[in-house]
Amino acid sequence: MKLKVIQIYNSTNLKDNSPKQLKGLADILVYLDNDEQYISSFLTYAGIKEIAIKHQKNGAFLHGSYFWAKHLILVKDSNLETIEKVVQDLLEEGDFRAVFKKI
């Protein structure tokens, strides 16, 4: 059975009502046509740099020496079209369930 994305929900929509852009670290909920729901966090490469600088200042993660997060996907830009393409590619390549958590 080939899975199809029914809806992608960006958690940052609650904060700024801007469905076209991802702001910082965002949880992305994916609803598939088999009624399964999955979640993963998306972050831009620029966003990870900002986090590293913040951690260097506040001491987290050994003063920015490392960073980790479960179910984190780094993307080149914050356009939701990019996120949709990434989700579709992960489904097609068979990697979707490795990086998304079923909820």
C-alpha atoms as a PDB file:
ATOM      1  CA  MET A   1       0.000   0.000   0.000  1.00  0.00           C
ATOM      2  CA  LYS A   2       1.366   3.384  -0.978  1.00  0.00           C
ATOM      3  CA  LEU A   3       0.790   5.966   1.755  1.00  0.00           C
ATOM      4  CA  LYS A   4      -0.401   9.435   0.913  1.00  0.00           C
ATOM      5  CA  VAL A   5      -0.135  12.581   3.024  1.00  0.00           C
ATOM      6  CA  ILE A   6      -3.564  13.981   3.833  1.00  0.00           C
ATOM      7  CA  GLN A   7      -2.479  16.995   5.872  1.00  0.00           C
ATOM      8  CA  ILE A   8       0.670  18.535   7.310  1.00  0.00           C
ATOM      9  CA  TYR A   9       0.212  20.634  10.412  1.00  0.00           C
ATOM     10  CA  ASN A  10       2.890  23.107  11.501  1.00  0.00           C
ATOM     11  CA  SER A  11       2.862  23.768  15.250  1.00  0.00           C
ATOM     12  CA  THR A  12       4.184  27.303  14.762  1.00  0.00           C
ATOM     13  CA  ASN A  13       0.901  28.287  13.085  1.00  0.00           C
ATOM     14  CA  LEU A  14      -0.528  28.707  16.566  1.00  0.00           C
ATOM     15  CA  LYS A  15       1.949  31.475  17.333  1.00  0.00           C
ATOM     16  CA  ASP A  16       1.946  33.678  14.267  1.00  0.00           C
ATOM     17  CA  ASN A  17      -0.844  32.521  11.936  1.00  0.00           C
ATOM     18  CA  SER A  18       1.692  32.280   9.102  1.00  0.00           C
ATOM     19  CA  PRO A  19       1.262  28.858   7.494  1.00  0.00           C
ATOM     20  CA  LYS A  20       3.898  29.504   4.833  1.00  0.00           C
ATOM     21  CA  GLN A  21       6.986  29.795   7.043  1.00  0.00           C
ATOM     22  CA  LEU A  22       8.546  27.694   9.738  1.00  0.00           C
ATOM     23  CA  LYS A  23       9.747  29.700  12.726  1.00  0.00           C
ATOM     24  CA  GLY A  24      12.598  28.116  14.665  1.00  0.00           C
ATOM     25  CA  LEU A  25      12.119  24.571  15.850  1.00  0.00           C
ATOM     26  CA  ALA A  26       8.656  23.366  14.861  1.00  0.00           C
ATOM     27  CA  ASP A  27       6.771  20.151  15.362  1.00  0.00           C
ATOM     28  CA  ILE A  28       5.257  18.891  12.150  1.00  0.00           C
ATOM     29  CA  LEU A  29       2.268  16.581  12.363  1.00  0.00           C
ATOM     30  CA  VAL A  30       1.572  14.390   9.353  1.00  0.00           C
ATOM     31  CA  TYR A  31      -1.791  12.737   8.803  1.00  0.00           C
ATOM     32  CA  LEU A  32      -1.703   9.821   6.383  1.00  0.00           C
ATOM     33  CA  ASP A  33      -4.534   8.314   4.353  1.00  0.00           C
ATOM     34  CA  ASN A  34      -4.524   5.179   6.538  1.00  0.00           C
ATOM     35  CA  ASP A  35      -5.568   7.325   9.567  1.00  0.00           C
ATOM     36  CA  GLU A  36      -2.093   7.125  11.136  1.00  0.00           C
ATOM     37  CA  GLN A  37      -0.602  10.274  12.608  1.00  0.00           C
ATOM     38  CA  TYR A  38       3.109  11.027  12.971  1.00  0.00           C
ATOM     39  CA  ILE A  39       5.205  13.796  14.466  1.00  0.00           C
ATOM     40  CA  SER A  40       8.735  15.043  13.907  1.00  0.00           C
ATOM     41  CA  SER A  41      10.590  18.276  14.575  1.00  0.00           C
ATOM     42  CA  PHE A  42      11.943  20.384  11.743  1.00  0.00           C
ATOM     43  CA  LEU A  43      14.683  22.965  12.018  1.00  0.00           C
ATOM     44  CA  THR A  44      16.598  24.967   9.430  1.00  0.00           C
ATOM     45  CA  TYR A  45      20.384  24.844   9.175  1.00  0.00           C
ATOM     46  CA  ALA A  46      20.395  28.532  10.142  1.00  0.00           C
ATOM     47  CA  GLY A  47      18.206  27.697  13.128  1.00  0.00           C
ATOM     48  CA  ILE A  48      20.651  25.091  14.412  1.00  0.00           C
ATOM     49  CA  LYS A  49      23.396  27.723  14.255  1.00  0.00           C
ATOM     50  CA  GLU A  50      21.268  30.067  16.364  1.00  0.00           C
ATOM     51  CA  ILE A  51      20.667  27.286  18.887  1.00  0.00           C
ATOM     52  CA  ALA A  52      24.397  26.558  19.086  1.00  0.00           C
ATOM     53  CA  ILE A  53      25.165  30.221  19.787  1.00  0.00           C
ATOM     54  CA  LYS A  54      22.444  30.330  22.444  1.00  0.00           C
ATOM     55  CA  HIS A  55      23.842  27.185  24.086  1.00  0.00           C
ATOM     56  CA  GLN A  56      27.363  28.602  24.056  1.00  0.00           C
ATOM     57  CA  LYS A  57      26.037  31.507  26.105  1.00  0.00           C
ATOM     58  CA  ASN A  58      23.735  29.640  28.484  1.00  0.00           C
ATOM     59  CA  GLY A  59      25.920  26.555  29.004  1.00  0.00           C
ATOM     60  CA  ALA A  60      23.465  23.979  27.676  1.00  0.00           C
ATOM     61  CA  PHE A  61      24.819  20.951  25.828  1.00  0.00           C
ATOM     62  CA  LEU A  62      28.321  21.532  27.195  1.00  0.00           C
ATOM     63  CA  HIS A  63      28.257  25.168  26.133  1.00  0.00           C
ATOM     64  CA  GLY A  64      27.140  24.349  22.609  1.00  0.00           C
ATOM     65  CA  SER A  65      29.628  21.512  22.111  1.00  0.00           C
ATOM     66  CA  TYR A  66      26.868  19.265  20.783  1.00  0.00           C
ATOM     67  CA  PHE A  67      23.142  19.090  20.152  1.00  0.00           C
ATOM     68  CA  TRP A  68      20.738  16.231  19.781  1.00  0.00           C
ATOM     69  CA  ALA A  69      17.016  15.732  19.547  1.00  0.00           C
ATOM     70  CA  LYS A  70      14.877  12.711  18.772  1.00  0.00           C
ATOM     71  CA  HIS A  71      12.996  12.820  15.501  1.00  0.00           C
ATOM     72  CA  LEU A  72      14.745  15.964  14.241  1.00  0.00           C
ATOM     73  CA  ILE A  73      14.988  16.771  10.552  1.00  0.00           C
ATOM     74  CA  LEU A  74      17.221  19.590   9.302  1.00  0.00           C
ATOM     75  CA  VAL A  75      16.020  21.453   6.214  1.00  0.00           C
ATOM     76  CA  LYS A  76      17.625  24.057   3.981  1.00  0.00           C
ATOM     77  CA  ASP A  77      14.823  26.599   4.276  1.00  0.00           C
ATOM     78  CA  SER A  78      11.642  27.246   6.208  1.00  0.00           C
ATOM     79  CA  ASN A  79       9.226  27.137   3.289  1.00  0.00           C
ATOM     80  CA  LEU A  80       6.364  24.699   3.937  1.00  0.00           C
ATOM     81  CA  GLU A  81       6.616  23.582   0.312  1.00  0.00           C
ATOM     82  CA  THR A  82      10.116  22.303   1.157  1.00  0.00           C
ATOM     83  CA  ILE A  83       8.759  20.475   4.201  1.00  0.00           C
ATOM     84  CA  GLU A  84       6.031  18.866   2.112  1.00  0.00           C
ATOM     85  CA  LYS A  85       8.629  17.686  -0.413  1.00  0.00           C
ATOM     86  CA  VAL A  86      10.833  16.293   2.372  1.00  0.00           C
ATOM     87  CA  VAL A  87       7.913  14.348   3.859  1.00  0.00           C
ATOM     88  CA  GLN A  88       6.966  12.953   0.453  1.00  0.00           C
ATOM     89  CA  ASP A  89      10.578  11.970  -0.274  1.00  0.00           C
ATOM     90  CA  LEU A  90      10.896  10.210   3.095  1.00  0.00           C
ATOM     91  CA  LEU A  91       7.724   8.253   2.326  1.00  0.00           C
ATOM     92  CA  GLU A  92       8.920   7.303  -1.156  1.00  0.00           C
ATOM     93  CA  GLU A  93      12.404   6.306   0.042  1.00  0.00           C
ATOM     94  CA  GLY A  94      11.025   4.258   2.951  1.00  0.00           C
ATOM     95  CA  ASP A  95      12.683   6.374   5.663  1.00  0.00           C
ATOM     96  CA  PHE A  96       9.545   8.098   6.965  1.00  0.00           C
ATOM     97  CA  ARG A  97       8.977   5.840   9.988  1.00  0.00           C
ATOM     98  CA  ALA A  98      12.647   6.094  10.968  1.00  0.00           C
ATOM     99  CA  VAL A  99      12.443   9.865  11.520  1.00  0.00           C
ATOM    100  CA  PHE A 100       8.782  10.371  12.415  1.00  0.00           C
ATOM    101  CA  LYS A 101       7.199   9.071  15.615  1.00  0.00           C
ATOM    102  CA  LYS A 102       3.758   7.496  15.434  1.00  0.00           C
ATOM    103  CA  ILE A 103       1.292   9.192  17.781  1.00  0.00           C
END
